PDB file of N, CA and C in Angstrom:
ATOM      1  N   MET A   1       5.949 -27.534   1.532  1.00  0.00           N
ATOM      2  CA  MET A   1       5.562 -28.927   1.570  1.00  0.00           C
ATOM      3  C   MET A   1       6.569 -29.687   2.437  1.00  0.00           C
ATOM      4  N   PRO A   2       6.269 -29.846   3.730  1.00  0.00           N
ATOM      5  CA  PRO A   2       7.210 -30.529   4.612  1.00  0.00           C
ATOM      6  C   PRO A   2       7.467 -31.968   4.188  1.00  0.00           C
ATOM      7  N   ARG A   3       8.710 -32.383   4.346  1.00  0.00           N
ATOM      8  CA  ARG A   3       9.152 -33.752   4.034  1.00  0.00           C
ATOM      9  C   ARG A   3       8.901 -34.142   2.577  1.00  0.00           C
ATOM     10  N   ARG A   4       8.898 -33.180   1.714  1.00  0.00           N
ATOM     11  CA  ARG A   4       8.722 -33.450   0.282  1.00  0.00           C
ATOM     12  C   ARG A   4       9.916 -32.892  -0.468  1.00  0.00           C
ATOM     13  N   SER A   5      10.196 -33.474  -1.602  1.00  0.00           N
ATOM     14  CA  SER A   5      11.337 -33.023  -2.396  1.00  0.00           C
ATOM     15  C   SER A   5      10.917 -31.906  -3.348  1.00  0.00           C
ATOM     16  N   THR A   6      11.907 -31.281  -3.940  1.00  0.00           N
ATOM     17  CA  THR A   6      11.648 -30.266  -4.957  1.00  0.00           C
ATOM     18  C   THR A   6      10.891 -30.883  -6.124  1.00  0.00           C
ATOM     19  N   THR A   7      11.213 -32.125  -6.439  1.00  0.00           N
ATOM     20  CA  THR A   7      10.524 -32.827  -7.529  1.00  0.00           C
ATOM     21  C   THR A   7       9.033 -32.945  -7.233  1.00  0.00           C
ATOM     22  N   ASP A   8       8.681 -33.228  -5.980  1.00  0.00           N
ATOM     23  CA  ASP A   8       7.269 -33.304  -5.592  1.00  0.00           C
ATOM     24  C   ASP A   8       6.572 -31.957  -5.783  1.00  0.00           C
ATOM     25  N   ALA A   9       7.259 -30.879  -5.406  1.00  0.00           N
ATOM     26  CA  ALA A   9       6.679 -29.542  -5.551  1.00  0.00           C
ATOM     27  C   ALA A   9       6.475 -29.192  -7.022  1.00  0.00           C
ATOM     28  N   ILE A  10       7.448 -29.529  -7.860  1.00  0.00           N
ATOM     29  CA  ILE A  10       7.326 -29.261  -9.299  1.00  0.00           C
ATOM     30  C   ILE A  10       6.178 -30.071  -9.888  1.00  0.00           C
ATOM     31  N   PHE A  11       6.055 -31.323  -9.482  1.00  0.00           N
ATOM     32  CA  PHE A  11       4.959 -32.165  -9.963  1.00  0.00           C
ATOM     33  C   PHE A  11       3.609 -31.571  -9.558  1.00  0.00           C
ATOM     34  N   ALA A  12       3.480 -31.148  -8.298  1.00  0.00           N
ATOM     35  CA  ALA A  12       2.224 -30.556  -7.824  1.00  0.00           C
ATOM     36  C   ALA A  12       1.892 -29.289  -8.606  1.00  0.00           C
ATOM     37  N   LEU A  13       2.904 -28.466  -8.879  1.00  0.00           N
ATOM     38  CA  LEU A  13       2.688 -27.246  -9.653  1.00  0.00           C
ATOM     39  C   LEU A  13       2.239 -27.568 -11.072  1.00  0.00           C
ATOM     40  N   ARG A  14       2.874 -28.541 -11.703  1.00  0.00           N
ATOM     41  CA  ARG A  14       2.481 -28.921 -13.072  1.00  0.00           C
ATOM     42  C   ARG A  14       1.049 -29.444 -13.107  1.00  0.00           C
ATOM     43  N   MET A  15       0.664 -30.227 -12.107  1.00  0.00           N
ATOM     44  CA  MET A  15      -0.711 -30.740 -12.045  1.00  0.00           C
ATOM     45  C   MET A  15      -1.705 -29.583 -11.902  1.00  0.00           C
ATOM     46  N   MET A  16      -1.365 -28.612 -11.058  1.00  0.00           N
ATOM     47  CA  MET A  16      -2.237 -27.461 -10.862  1.00  0.00           C
ATOM     48  C   MET A  16      -2.336 -26.647 -12.147  1.00  0.00           C
ATOM     49  N   MET A  17      -1.212 -26.455 -12.834  1.00  0.00           N
ATOM     50  CA  MET A  17      -1.220 -25.709 -14.091  1.00  0.00           C
ATOM     51  C   MET A  17      -2.106 -26.400 -15.123  1.00  0.00           C
ATOM     52  N   GLU A  18      -2.007 -27.713 -15.200  1.00  0.00           N
ATOM     53  CA  GLU A  18      -2.821 -28.474 -16.150  1.00  0.00           C
ATOM     54  C   GLU A  18      -4.304 -28.354 -15.817  1.00  0.00           C
ATOM     55  N   LYS A  19      -4.629 -28.417 -14.542  1.00  0.00           N
ATOM     56  CA  LYS A  19      -6.028 -28.299 -14.113  1.00  0.00           C
ATOM     57  C   LYS A  19      -6.604 -26.937 -14.518  1.00  0.00           C
ATOM     58  N   TYR A  20      -5.830 -25.880 -14.292  1.00  0.00           N
ATOM     59  CA  TYR A  20      -6.304 -24.545 -14.655  1.00  0.00           C
ATOM     60  C   TYR A  20      -6.387 -24.379 -16.166  1.00  0.00           C
ATOM     61  N   ARG A  21      -5.439 -24.968 -16.886  1.00  0.00           N
ATOM     62  CA  ARG A  21      -5.448 -24.886 -18.347  1.00  0.00           C
ATOM     63  C   ARG A  21      -6.698 -25.568 -18.905  1.00  0.00           C
ATOM     64  N   GLU A  22      -7.032 -26.736 -18.368  1.00  0.00           N
ATOM     65  CA  GLU A  22      -8.225 -27.462 -18.824  1.00  0.00           C
ATOM     66  C   GLU A  22      -9.494 -26.654 -18.577  1.00  0.00           C
ATOM     67  N   GLY A  23      -9.541 -25.959 -17.451  1.00  0.00           N
ATOM     68  CA  GLY A  23     -10.709 -25.140 -17.123  1.00  0.00           C
ATOM     69  C   GLY A  23     -10.646 -23.760 -17.738  1.00  0.00           C
ATOM     70  N   GLN A  24      -9.608 -23.501 -18.525  1.00  0.00           N
ATOM     71  CA  GLN A  24      -9.381 -22.213 -19.185  1.00  0.00           C
ATOM     72  C   GLN A  24      -9.466 -21.056 -18.181  1.00  0.00           C
ATOM     73  N   LYS A  25      -8.816 -21.265 -17.051  1.00  0.00           N
ATOM     74  CA  LYS A  25      -8.757 -20.229 -16.020  1.00  0.00           C
ATOM     75  C   LYS A  25      -7.312 -19.756 -15.889  1.00  0.00           C
ATOM     76  N   GLU A  26      -7.161 -18.506 -15.451  1.00  0.00           N
ATOM     77  CA  GLU A  26      -5.827 -17.957 -15.248  1.00  0.00           C
ATOM     78  C   GLU A  26      -5.257 -18.471 -13.932  1.00  0.00           C
ATOM     79  N   LEU A  27      -3.959 -18.707 -13.925  1.00  0.00           N
ATOM     80  CA  LEU A  27      -3.248 -19.125 -12.724  1.00  0.00           C
ATOM     81  C   LEU A  27      -2.047 -18.206 -12.558  1.00  0.00           C
ATOM     82  N   HIS A  28      -1.909 -17.627 -11.392  1.00  0.00           N
ATOM     83  CA  HIS A  28      -0.787 -16.736 -11.101  1.00  0.00           C
ATOM     84  C   HIS A  28       0.078 -17.385 -10.034  1.00  0.00           C
ATOM     85  N   CYS A  29       1.375 -17.452 -10.283  1.00  0.00           N
ATOM     86  CA  CYS A  29       2.320 -18.074  -9.349  1.00  0.00           C
ATOM     87  C   CYS A  29       3.417 -17.075  -9.002  1.00  0.00           C
ATOM     88  N   VAL A  30       3.878 -17.143  -7.778  1.00  0.00           N
ATOM     89  CA  VAL A  30       5.002 -16.334  -7.323  1.00  0.00           C
ATOM     90  C   VAL A  30       6.019 -17.279  -6.702  1.00  0.00           C
ATOM     91  N   PHE A  31       7.265 -17.143  -7.110  1.00  0.00           N
ATOM     92  CA  PHE A  31       8.337 -17.961  -6.560  1.00  0.00           C
ATOM     93  C   PHE A  31       9.277 -17.048  -5.789  1.00  0.00           C
ATOM     94  N   VAL A  32       9.540 -17.389  -4.549  1.00  0.00           N
ATOM     95  CA  VAL A  32      10.386 -16.573  -3.685  1.00  0.00           C
ATOM     96  C   VAL A  32      11.574 -17.412  -3.227  1.00  0.00           C
ATOM     97  N   ASP A  33      12.767 -16.919  -3.484  1.00  0.00           N
ATOM     98  CA  ASP A  33      13.991 -17.582  -3.032  1.00  0.00           C
ATOM     99  C   ASP A  33      14.310 -17.054  -1.634  1.00  0.00           C
ATOM    100  N   LEU A  34      14.159 -17.897  -0.634  1.00  0.00           N
ATOM    101  CA  LEU A  34      14.339 -17.464   0.749  1.00  0.00           C
ATOM    102  C   LEU A  34      15.769 -17.645   1.265  1.00  0.00           C
ATOM    103  N   GLU A  35      16.685 -18.037   0.390  1.00  0.00           N
ATOM    104  CA  GLU A  35      18.073 -18.198   0.813  1.00  0.00           C
ATOM    105  C   GLU A  35      18.687 -16.828   1.100  1.00  0.00           C
ATOM    106  N   LYS A  36      19.267 -16.685   2.243  1.00  0.00           N
ATOM    107  CA  LYS A  36      19.904 -15.438   2.685  1.00  0.00           C
ATOM    108  C   LYS A  36      18.958 -14.246   2.558  1.00  0.00           C
ATOM    109  N   VAL A  37      17.702 -14.477   2.850  1.00  0.00           N
ATOM    110  CA  VAL A  37      16.672 -13.473   2.619  1.00  0.00           C
ATOM    111  C   VAL A  37      16.874 -12.219   3.470  1.00  0.00           C
ATOM    112  N   TYR A  38      17.352 -12.359   4.700  1.00  0.00           N
ATOM    113  CA  TYR A  38      17.539 -11.178   5.550  1.00  0.00           C
ATOM    114  C   TYR A  38      18.579 -10.234   4.965  1.00  0.00           C
ATOM    115  N   ASP A  39      19.553 -10.780   4.244  1.00  0.00           N
ATOM    116  CA  ASP A  39      20.604  -9.953   3.645  1.00  0.00           C
ATOM    117  C   ASP A  39      20.087  -9.118   2.481  1.00  0.00           C
ATOM    118  N   ARG A  40      18.941  -9.471   1.941  1.00  0.00           N
ATOM    119  CA  ARG A  40      18.483  -8.867   0.684  1.00  0.00           C
ATOM    120  C   ARG A  40      17.270  -7.958   0.817  1.00  0.00           C
ATOM    121  N   VAL A  41      16.742  -7.775   2.003  1.00  0.00           N
ATOM    122  CA  VAL A  41      15.558  -6.923   2.168  1.00  0.00           C
ATOM    123  C   VAL A  41      15.967  -5.466   1.959  1.00  0.00           C
ATOM    124  N   PRO A  42      15.388  -4.805   0.952  1.00  0.00           N
ATOM    125  CA  PRO A  42      15.697  -3.381   0.751  1.00  0.00           C
ATOM    126  C   PRO A  42      15.118  -2.560   1.906  1.00  0.00           C
ATOM    127  N   ARG A  43      15.929  -1.790   2.560  1.00  0.00           N
ATOM    128  CA  ARG A  43      15.460  -1.036   3.732  1.00  0.00           C
ATOM    129  C   ARG A  43      14.413  -0.002   3.369  1.00  0.00           C
ATOM    130  N   GLU A  44      14.539   0.632   2.215  1.00  0.00           N
ATOM    131  CA  GLU A  44      13.518   1.604   1.814  1.00  0.00           C
ATOM    132  C   GLU A  44      12.161   0.917   1.678  1.00  0.00           C
ATOM    133  N   GLU A  45      12.164  -0.312   1.197  1.00  0.00           N
ATOM    134  CA  GLU A  45      10.922  -1.082   1.096  1.00  0.00           C
ATOM    135  C   GLU A  45      10.363  -1.360   2.487  1.00  0.00           C
ATOM    136  N   LEU A  46      11.239  -1.643   3.426  1.00  0.00           N
ATOM    137  CA  LEU A  46      10.815  -1.887   4.806  1.00  0.00           C
ATOM    138  C   LEU A  46      10.143  -0.649   5.386  1.00  0.00           C
ATOM    139  N   TRP A  47      10.740   0.526   5.191  1.00  0.00           N
ATOM    140  CA  TRP A  47      10.144   1.765   5.726  1.00  0.00           C
ATOM    141  C   TRP A  47       8.789   2.017   5.062  1.00  0.00           C
ATOM    142  N   TYR A  48       8.703   1.762   3.756  1.00  0.00           N
ATOM    143  CA  TYR A  48       7.435   1.936   3.027  1.00  0.00           C
ATOM    144  C   TYR A  48       6.363   1.003   3.590  1.00  0.00           C
ATOM    145  N   CYS A  49       6.712  -0.247   3.817  1.00  0.00           N
ATOM    146  CA  CYS A  49       5.752  -1.235   4.321  1.00  0.00           C
ATOM    147  C   CYS A  49       5.245  -0.856   5.701  1.00  0.00           C
ATOM    148  N   LYS A  50       6.130  -0.358   6.535  1.00  0.00           N
ATOM    149  CA  LYS A  50       5.700   0.043   7.881  1.00  0.00           C
ATOM    150  C   LYS A  50       4.740   1.227   7.809  1.00  0.00           C
ATOM    151  N   ARG A  51       4.995   2.165   6.895  1.00  0.00           N
ATOM    152  CA  ARG A  51       4.070   3.292   6.727  1.00  0.00           C
ATOM    153  C   ARG A  51       2.709   2.795   6.266  1.00  0.00           C
ATOM    154  N   CYS A  52       2.699   1.854   5.311  1.00  0.00           N
ATOM    155  CA  CYS A  52       1.441   1.315   4.785  1.00  0.00           C
ATOM    156  C   CYS A  52       0.637   0.602   5.863  1.00  0.00           C
ATOM    157  N   LEU A  53       1.318  -0.018   6.803  1.00  0.00           N
ATOM    158  CA  LEU A  53       0.635  -0.736   7.880  1.00  0.00           C
ATOM    159  C   LEU A  53       0.200   0.191   9.006  1.00  0.00           C
ATOM    160  N   GLY A  54       0.611   1.441   8.934  1.00  0.00           N
ATOM    161  CA  GLY A  54       0.199   2.400   9.951  1.00  0.00           C
ATOM    162  C   GLY A  54       0.970   2.282  11.256  1.00  0.00           C
ATOM    163  N   VAL A  55       2.219   1.826  11.187  1.00  0.00           N
ATOM    164  CA  VAL A  55       3.048   1.743  12.390  1.00  0.00           C
ATOM    165  C   VAL A  55       3.261   3.160  12.917  1.00  0.00           C
ATOM    166  N   ALA A  56       3.078   3.335  14.219  1.00  0.00           N
ATOM    167  CA  ALA A  56       3.234   4.656  14.835  1.00  0.00           C
ATOM    168  C   ALA A  56       4.618   5.219  14.514  1.00  0.00           C
ATOM    169  N   GLU A  57       4.651   6.502  14.196  1.00  0.00           N
ATOM    170  CA  GLU A  57       5.892   7.150  13.761  1.00  0.00           C
ATOM    171  C   GLU A  57       7.007   7.023  14.795  1.00  0.00           C
ATOM    172  N   LYS A  58       6.661   7.114  16.077  1.00  0.00           N
ATOM    173  CA  LYS A  58       7.712   7.038  17.102  1.00  0.00           C
ATOM    174  C   LYS A  58       8.391   5.665  17.106  1.00  0.00           C
ATOM    175  N   TYR A  59       7.627   4.596  16.839  1.00  0.00           N
ATOM    176  CA  TYR A  59       8.217   3.256  16.774  1.00  0.00           C
ATOM    177  C   TYR A  59       9.017   3.079  15.481  1.00  0.00           C
ATOM    178  N   ALA A  60       8.491   3.620  14.402  1.00  0.00           N
ATOM    179  CA  ALA A  60       9.196   3.534  13.120  1.00  0.00           C
ATOM    180  C   ALA A  60      10.553   4.234  13.213  1.00  0.00           C
ATOM    181  N   LYS A  61      10.599   5.369  13.905  1.00  0.00           N
ATOM    182  CA  LYS A  61      11.859   6.105  14.059  1.00  0.00           C
ATOM    183  C   LYS A  61      12.866   5.326  14.897  1.00  0.00           C
ATOM    184  N   VAL A  62      12.383   4.646  15.933  1.00  0.00           N
ATOM    185  CA  VAL A  62      13.287   3.850  16.772  1.00  0.00           C
ATOM    186  C   VAL A  62      13.936   2.746  15.944  1.00  0.00           C
ATOM    187  N   VAL A  63      13.123   2.032  15.171  1.00  0.00           N
ATOM    188  CA  VAL A  63      13.648   0.938  14.350  1.00  0.00           C
ATOM    189  C   VAL A  63      14.584   1.487  13.280  1.00  0.00           C
ATOM    190  N   LYS A  64      14.177   2.570  12.637  1.00  0.00           N
ATOM    191  CA  LYS A  64      15.023   3.157  11.596  1.00  0.00           C
ATOM    192  C   LYS A  64      16.359   3.608  12.184  1.00  0.00           C
ATOM    193  N   GLY A  65      16.332   4.132  13.398  1.00  0.00           N
ATOM    194  CA  GLY A  65      17.558   4.553  14.071  1.00  0.00           C
ATOM    195  C   GLY A  65      18.520   3.400  14.310  1.00  0.00           C
ATOM    196  N   MET A  66      17.966   2.206  14.519  1.00  0.00           N
ATOM    197  CA  MET A  66      18.803   1.019  14.710  1.00  0.00           C
ATOM    198  C   MET A  66      19.541   0.649  13.426  1.00  0.00           C
ATOM    199  N   TYR A  67      18.983   1.049  12.291  1.00  0.00           N
ATOM    200  CA  TYR A  67      19.545   0.643  11.000  1.00  0.00           C
ATOM    201  C   TYR A  67      20.388   1.724  10.332  1.00  0.00           C
ATOM    202  N   GLU A  68      20.203   2.975  10.721  1.00  0.00           N
ATOM    203  CA  GLU A  68      20.982   4.048  10.108  1.00  0.00           C
ATOM    204  C   GLU A  68      22.439   3.943  10.543  1.00  0.00           C
ATOM    205  N   SER A  69      23.322   4.209   9.655  1.00  0.00           N
ATOM    206  CA  SER A  69      24.769   4.179   9.915  1.00  0.00           C
ATOM    207  C   SER A  69      25.249   2.812  10.384  1.00  0.00           C
ATOM    208  N   SER A  70      24.621   1.740   9.892  1.00  0.00           N
ATOM    209  CA  SER A  70      25.070   0.385  10.229  1.00  0.00           C
ATOM    210  C   SER A  70      26.435   0.134   9.606  1.00  0.00           C
ATOM    211  N   ILE A  71      27.303  -0.496  10.378  1.00  0.00           N
ATOM    212  CA  ILE A  71      28.647  -0.828   9.912  1.00  0.00           C
ATOM    213  C   ILE A  71      28.896  -2.298  10.212  1.00  0.00           C
ATOM    214  N   THR A  72      29.578  -2.965   9.295  1.00  0.00           N
ATOM    215  CA  THR A  72      29.954  -4.357   9.529  1.00  0.00           C
ATOM    216  C   THR A  72      31.457  -4.505   9.361  1.00  0.00           C
ATOM    217  N   ALA A  73      32.014  -5.414  10.135  1.00  0.00           N
ATOM    218  CA  ALA A  73      33.440  -5.723  10.046  1.00  0.00           C
ATOM    219  C   ALA A  73      33.592  -7.227  10.224  1.00  0.00           C
ATOM    220  N   VAL A  74      34.703  -7.753   9.752  1.00  0.00           N
ATOM    221  CA  VAL A  74      34.953  -9.195   9.837  1.00  0.00           C
ATOM    222  C   VAL A  74      36.159  -9.434  10.736  1.00  0.00           C
ATOM    223  N   ARG A  75      35.983 -10.330  11.696  1.00  0.00           N
ATOM    224  CA  ARG A  75      37.090 -10.721  12.563  1.00  0.00           C
ATOM    225  C   ARG A  75      37.741 -11.958  11.957  1.00  0.00           C
ATOM    226  N   CYS A  76      39.043 -11.895  11.771  1.00  0.00           N
ATOM    227  CA  CYS A  76      39.782 -13.033  11.214  1.00  0.00           C
ATOM    228  C   CYS A  76      41.073 -13.223  12.007  1.00  0.00           C
ATOM    229  N   ALA A  77      41.867 -14.202  11.617  1.00  0.00           N
ATOM    230  CA  ALA A  77      43.103 -14.507  12.343  1.00  0.00           C
ATOM    231  C   ALA A  77      44.046 -13.306  12.398  1.00  0.00           C
ATOM    232  N   ALA A  78      44.043 -12.492  11.352  1.00  0.00           N
ATOM    233  CA  ALA A  78      44.934 -11.331  11.285  1.00  0.00           C
ATOM    234  C   ALA A  78      44.390 -10.134  12.058  1.00  0.00           C
ATOM    235  N   GLY A  79      43.192 -10.235  12.583  1.00  0.00           N
ATOM    236  CA  GLY A  79      42.588  -9.125  13.315  1.00  0.00           C
ATOM    237  C   GLY A  79      41.236  -8.759  12.733  1.00  0.00           C
ATOM    238  N   MET A  80      40.839  -7.531  12.953  1.00  0.00           N
ATOM    239  CA  MET A  80      39.536  -7.047  12.511  1.00  0.00           C
ATOM    240  C   MET A  80      39.697  -6.231  11.236  1.00  0.00           C
ATOM    241  N   THR A  81      38.806  -6.462  10.274  1.00  0.00           N
ATOM    242  CA  THR A  81      38.839  -5.675   9.043  1.00  0.00           C
ATOM    243  C   THR A  81      38.277  -4.289   9.319  1.00  0.00           C
ATOM    244  N   GLU A  82      38.529  -3.391   8.403  1.00  0.00           N
ATOM    245  CA  GLU A  82      37.978  -2.048   8.515  1.00  0.00           C
ATOM    246  C   GLU A  82      36.466  -2.121   8.320  1.00  0.00           C
ATOM    247  N   GLY A  83      35.734  -1.348   9.084  1.00  0.00           N
ATOM    248  CA  GLY A  83      34.276  -1.343   8.993  1.00  0.00           C
ATOM    249  C   GLY A  83      33.791  -0.838   7.652  1.00  0.00           C
ATOM    250  N   SER A  84      32.677  -1.395   7.214  1.00  0.00           N
ATOM    251  CA  SER A  84      32.081  -1.021   5.935  1.00  0.00           C
ATOM    252  C   SER A  84      30.595  -0.747   6.150  1.00  0.00           C
ATOM    253  N   GLY A  85      30.089   0.295   5.543  1.00  0.00           N
ATOM    254  CA  GLY A  85      28.680   0.650   5.688  1.00  0.00           C
ATOM    255  C   GLY A  85      27.752  -0.389   5.076  1.00  0.00           C
ATOM    256  N   VAL A  86      26.616  -0.603   5.718  1.00  0.00           N
ATOM    257  CA  VAL A  86      25.616  -1.559   5.238  1.00  0.00           C
ATOM    258  C   VAL A  86      24.311  -0.797   5.044  1.00  0.00           C
ATOM    259  N   GLU A  87      23.774  -0.844   3.823  1.00  0.00           N
ATOM    260  CA  GLU A  87      22.561  -0.089   3.536  1.00  0.00           C
ATOM    261  C   GLU A  87      21.404  -0.955   3.078  1.00  0.00           C
ATOM    262  N   VAL A  88      21.584  -2.269   3.098  1.00  0.00           N
ATOM    263  CA  VAL A  88      20.518  -3.181   2.693  1.00  0.00           C
ATOM    264  C   VAL A  88      20.524  -4.359   3.652  1.00  0.00           C
ATOM    265  N   GLY A  89      19.375  -4.956   3.854  1.00  0.00           N
ATOM    266  CA  GLY A  89      19.284  -6.149   4.685  1.00  0.00           C
ATOM    267  C   GLY A  89      18.845  -5.872   6.105  1.00  0.00           C
ATOM    268  N   LEU A  90      18.479  -6.954   6.773  1.00  0.00           N
ATOM    269  CA  LEU A  90      18.075  -6.904   8.171  1.00  0.00           C
ATOM    270  C   LEU A  90      19.232  -7.371   9.037  1.00  0.00           C
ATOM    271  N   HIS A  91      19.231  -6.950  10.288  1.00  0.00           N
ATOM    272  CA  HIS A  91      20.297  -7.352  11.204  1.00  0.00           C
ATOM    273  C   HIS A  91      20.232  -8.848  11.479  1.00  0.00           C
ATOM    274  N   GLN A  92      21.377  -9.497  11.390  1.00  0.00           N
ATOM    275  CA  GLN A  92      21.470 -10.925  11.683  1.00  0.00           C
ATOM    276  C   GLN A  92      21.403 -11.128  13.193  1.00  0.00           C
ATOM    277  N   GLY A  93      20.601 -12.087  13.626  1.00  0.00           N
ATOM    278  CA  GLY A  93      20.520 -12.420  15.041  1.00  0.00           C
ATOM    279  C   GLY A  93      19.613 -11.530  15.861  1.00  0.00           C
ATOM    280  N   SER A  94      19.018 -10.530  15.258  1.00  0.00           N
ATOM    281  CA  SER A  94      18.115  -9.643  15.989  1.00  0.00           C
ATOM    282  C   SER A  94      16.759 -10.312  16.161  1.00  0.00           C
ATOM    283  N   ALA A  95      16.189 -10.191  17.352  1.00  0.00           N
ATOM    284  CA  ALA A  95      14.860 -10.757  17.602  1.00  0.00           C
ATOM    285  C   ALA A  95      13.796 -10.037  16.777  1.00  0.00           C
ATOM    286  N   LEU A  96      14.089  -8.831  16.337  1.00  0.00           N
ATOM    287  CA  LEU A  96      13.137  -8.040  15.561  1.00  0.00           C
ATOM    288  C   LEU A  96      13.122  -8.411  14.077  1.00  0.00           C
ATOM    289  N   SER A  97      14.204  -8.992  13.574  1.00  0.00           N
ATOM    290  CA  SER A  97      14.323  -9.279  12.142  1.00  0.00           C
ATOM    291  C   SER A  97      13.228 -10.182  11.583  1.00  0.00           C
ATOM    292  N   PRO A  98      12.838 -11.281  12.248  1.00  0.00           N
ATOM    293  CA  PRO A  98      11.746 -12.101  11.692  1.00  0.00           C
ATOM    294  C   PRO A  98      10.444 -11.314  11.543  1.00  0.00           C
ATOM    295  N   PHE A  99      10.156 -10.450  12.523  1.00  0.00           N
ATOM    296  CA  PHE A  99       8.947  -9.624  12.434  1.00  0.00           C
ATOM    297  C   PHE A  99       9.036  -8.652  11.264  1.00  0.00           C
ATOM    298  N   LEU A 100      10.180  -7.990  11.114  1.00  0.00           N
ATOM    299  CA  LEU A 100      10.344  -7.029  10.018  1.00  0.00           C
ATOM    300  C   LEU A 100      10.251  -7.724   8.666  1.00  0.00           C
ATOM    301  N   PHE A 101      10.823  -8.916   8.566  1.00  0.00           N
ATOM    302  CA  PHE A 101      10.714  -9.678   7.326  1.00  0.00           C
ATOM    303  C   PHE A 101       9.254 -10.027   7.048  1.00  0.00           C
ATOM    304  N   ALA A 102       8.519 -10.424   8.076  1.00  0.00           N
ATOM    305  CA  ALA A 102       7.097 -10.756   7.910  1.00  0.00           C
ATOM    306  C   ALA A 102       6.299  -9.538   7.452  1.00  0.00           C
ATOM    307  N   VAL A 103       6.654  -8.357   7.937  1.00  0.00           N
ATOM    308  CA  VAL A 103       5.979  -7.120   7.516  1.00  0.00           C
ATOM    309  C   VAL A 103       6.162  -6.915   6.013  1.00  0.00           C
ATOM    310  N   VAL A 104       7.388  -7.088   5.529  1.00  0.00           N
ATOM    311  CA  VAL A 104       7.669  -6.908   4.100  1.00  0.00           C
ATOM    312  C   VAL A 104       6.951  -7.972   3.274  1.00  0.00           C
ATOM    313  N   MET A 105       7.003  -9.232   3.700  1.00  0.00           N
ATOM    314  CA  MET A 105       6.341 -10.314   2.959  1.00  0.00           C
ATOM    315  C   MET A 105       4.831 -10.126   2.936  1.00  0.00           C
ATOM    316  N   ASP A 106       4.257  -9.676   4.054  1.00  0.00           N
ATOM    317  CA  ASP A 106       2.816  -9.443   4.122  1.00  0.00           C
ATOM    318  C   ASP A 106       2.396  -8.394   3.099  1.00  0.00           C
ATOM    319  N   ARG A 107       3.157  -7.326   3.013  1.00  0.00           N
ATOM    320  CA  ARG A 107       2.861  -6.261   2.046  1.00  0.00           C
ATOM    321  C   ARG A 107       3.029  -6.767   0.610  1.00  0.00           C
ATOM    322  N   LEU A 108       4.066  -7.564   0.367  1.00  0.00           N
ATOM    323  CA  LEU A 108       4.296  -8.130  -0.963  1.00  0.00           C
ATOM    324  C   LEU A 108       3.124  -9.016  -1.376  1.00  0.00           C
ATOM    325  N   ILE A 109       2.660  -9.852  -0.475  1.00  0.00           N
ATOM    326  CA  ILE A 109       1.523 -10.734  -0.767  1.00  0.00           C
ATOM    327  C   ILE A 109       0.275  -9.914  -1.063  1.00  0.00           C
ATOM    328  N   ASP A 110       0.040  -8.853  -0.284  1.00  0.00           N
ATOM    329  CA  ASP A 110      -1.114  -7.979  -0.544  1.00  0.00           C
ATOM    330  C   ASP A 110      -1.036  -7.360  -1.932  1.00  0.00           C
ATOM    331  N   GLU A 111       0.147  -6.904  -2.332  1.00  0.00           N
ATOM    332  CA  GLU A 111       0.294  -6.284  -3.650  1.00  0.00           C
ATOM    333  C   GLU A 111       0.078  -7.290  -4.766  1.00  0.00           C
ATOM    334  N   VAL A 112       0.559  -8.518  -4.590  1.00  0.00           N
ATOM    335  CA  VAL A 112       0.342  -9.559  -5.600  1.00  0.00           C
ATOM    336  C   VAL A 112      -1.148  -9.851  -5.723  1.00  0.00           C
ATOM    337  N   ARG A 113      -1.846  -9.927  -4.602  1.00  0.00           N
ATOM    338  CA  ARG A 113      -3.294 -10.185  -4.630  1.00  0.00           C
ATOM    339  C   ARG A 113      -4.048  -9.060  -5.334  1.00  0.00           C
ATOM    340  N   GLN A 114      -3.626  -7.818  -5.099  1.00  0.00           N
ATOM    341  CA  GLN A 114      -4.289  -6.682  -5.741  1.00  0.00           C
ATOM    342  C   GLN A 114      -4.071  -6.685  -7.247  1.00  0.00           C
ATOM    343  N   GLU A 115      -2.911  -7.143  -7.685  1.00  0.00           N
ATOM    344  CA  GLU A 115      -2.596  -7.175  -9.111  1.00  0.00           C
ATOM    345  C   GLU A 115      -3.264  -8.337  -9.831  1.00  0.00           C
ATOM    346  N   SER A 116      -3.634  -9.375  -9.080  1.00  0.00           N
ATOM    347  CA  SER A 116      -4.256 -10.552  -9.691  1.00  0.00           C
ATOM    348  C   SER A 116      -5.733 -10.291  -9.928  1.00  0.00           C
ATOM    349  N   PRO A 117      -6.249 -10.796 -11.058  1.00  0.00           N
ATOM    350  CA  PRO A 117      -7.674 -10.589 -11.344  1.00  0.00           C
ATOM    351  C   PRO A 117      -8.561 -11.395 -10.415  1.00  0.00           C
TER     352      PRO A 117
END
């Protein structure tokens, strides 16, 4: 809801819940916290989603190769920290990351729809 506050969103949700309750219909809601979302995408879930979408194996291998053996280090005033392995999340600043995130979200939405009556 652009240019609206959290209070507006909560009010709209409560109104919708009341409407469904009055009509004795089921209402299913999903809340997604998008803060630091790229850091939290499980990579195994990403590989699963790409398989479900039928991404060609050669492309899937290229992307997976970009993520295998990922290492991160922090540069500070004292120098560079020792590298540490990263096994979860999408690469920050990569042009591919928004697409990969959309692939995971698309699959999640499909699964929620399948589970809903």
